Amino acid sequence: MKNRSYEYDVALSFAGENRAYVEKVANSLNKKGIKVFYDLFEEANLWGKNLYEYLSEIYQSKARYTVLFVSSFYNKKLWTNHERVSMQARAFQESREYILPARFDDTEIPGILKTIGYINLENRTPEELAILIENKLKKDQTFFRNRWSKLSTMINPKPFIFTLKIINEKEEFIKHAKVVLMANNSTYLEGFTDENGLAHFVIRTRKLYTVLVAHSDYPAVVFHNVNPKDDIEVTIEKSENTGSLIINKSGQIPGLTGKVEPAISTDDRLSIYADNIAIEGGKNQPYNMDLDESVTLEDKEGNIISLIFRFFQGRIALIDYYKKSTVRQFS
């Protein structure tokens, strides 16, 4: 089994009552380039299939690992127990861990011994769980060999031009937008749109990219798993008082004096440092936060800006910013 290639890196098995949490895990894994079986990602594929047979095959043979989200709801569902039986049939055949329990509570699941190592979800965010799943996969050498093999086949000996066109809702060209193409290995290409809203990139290695777009007059845009073989057109719409920017290592937020510097904390969370800028009224720095979480900054002049980090990888951050108000204090 050790040389086997799987259709999915991980499958997620859960009760519908826990979907809100699990969906965030699935989205986070997807952003990391991890192939995840999550039912809502597969609606078109599942349409018309014999689900009893198809799901048995998914959980028994098509995924490298399965994360089983243990809860009181899980035990009561017909389909989750069908998935569990398929997983256990696979686990019985293999001499390595396959079922990875993640517990919302202490519910006993038939066949899942309490002595099996599990992850407690009580104070763990979906992004933190996704990072643990990613780290588990990184320890699997077959996973690495398969991924390297797929990347190797994407090398294109002849460079080619990939073009991205950016317009607004009025079909006007958006010039001076910054565009970054970020590969899964954190290497990147960057450029700006010209007078015709076009950004051109010379592609020498065929990979899938995350495309980041930022402009001082428009919200941030992110596209995942973009194949550069075909040019793309992006339409973005204005949002009042909202702009976006991409910073590398550190940068200045329009409307604020001083710089901000995002980083990854020791517990793998997003954290930010700010030079001569108060974060959330003066919280200690580095300040830990999550993607898509709003944070308020105030500079020495009393200018207040709300930030939301939409993407962070390597040293590249994509940020939405919203000017709240200006506060003047006099003695």
Foldseek 3Di string as FASTA:
>chain_A
DLLDDAPFQEEEFEFPVCCVQVVLLVVLLVQLVGGYHDPVVCVVVPPPDPCLVVLLCCLQPHYQAYEYEDDPRLQVDPVSVSSVVSNVVNVVVDPDHHYAYEYQDDDDDPPDDPPDDYHYCVPPGSNLVSVVSVVVLVVRVSSVVVVVVVQVVQFDQDKDKFKEAEAEPVRQGDWQKKKWWAFSVGDIDIDTAHNRRMDMDTDRGFGFTWMWIFFQFFAIDIDGRDGRPHHYYYYTYGDPQKGKDKDFQKDDDPQAPWIKGWDQDPSRFIFMDTDQKAKQNNDDPRDGDHAQDWIWIAHPQQWIKIKGWNDDDDRMTMIMIGGDDGDHDDD
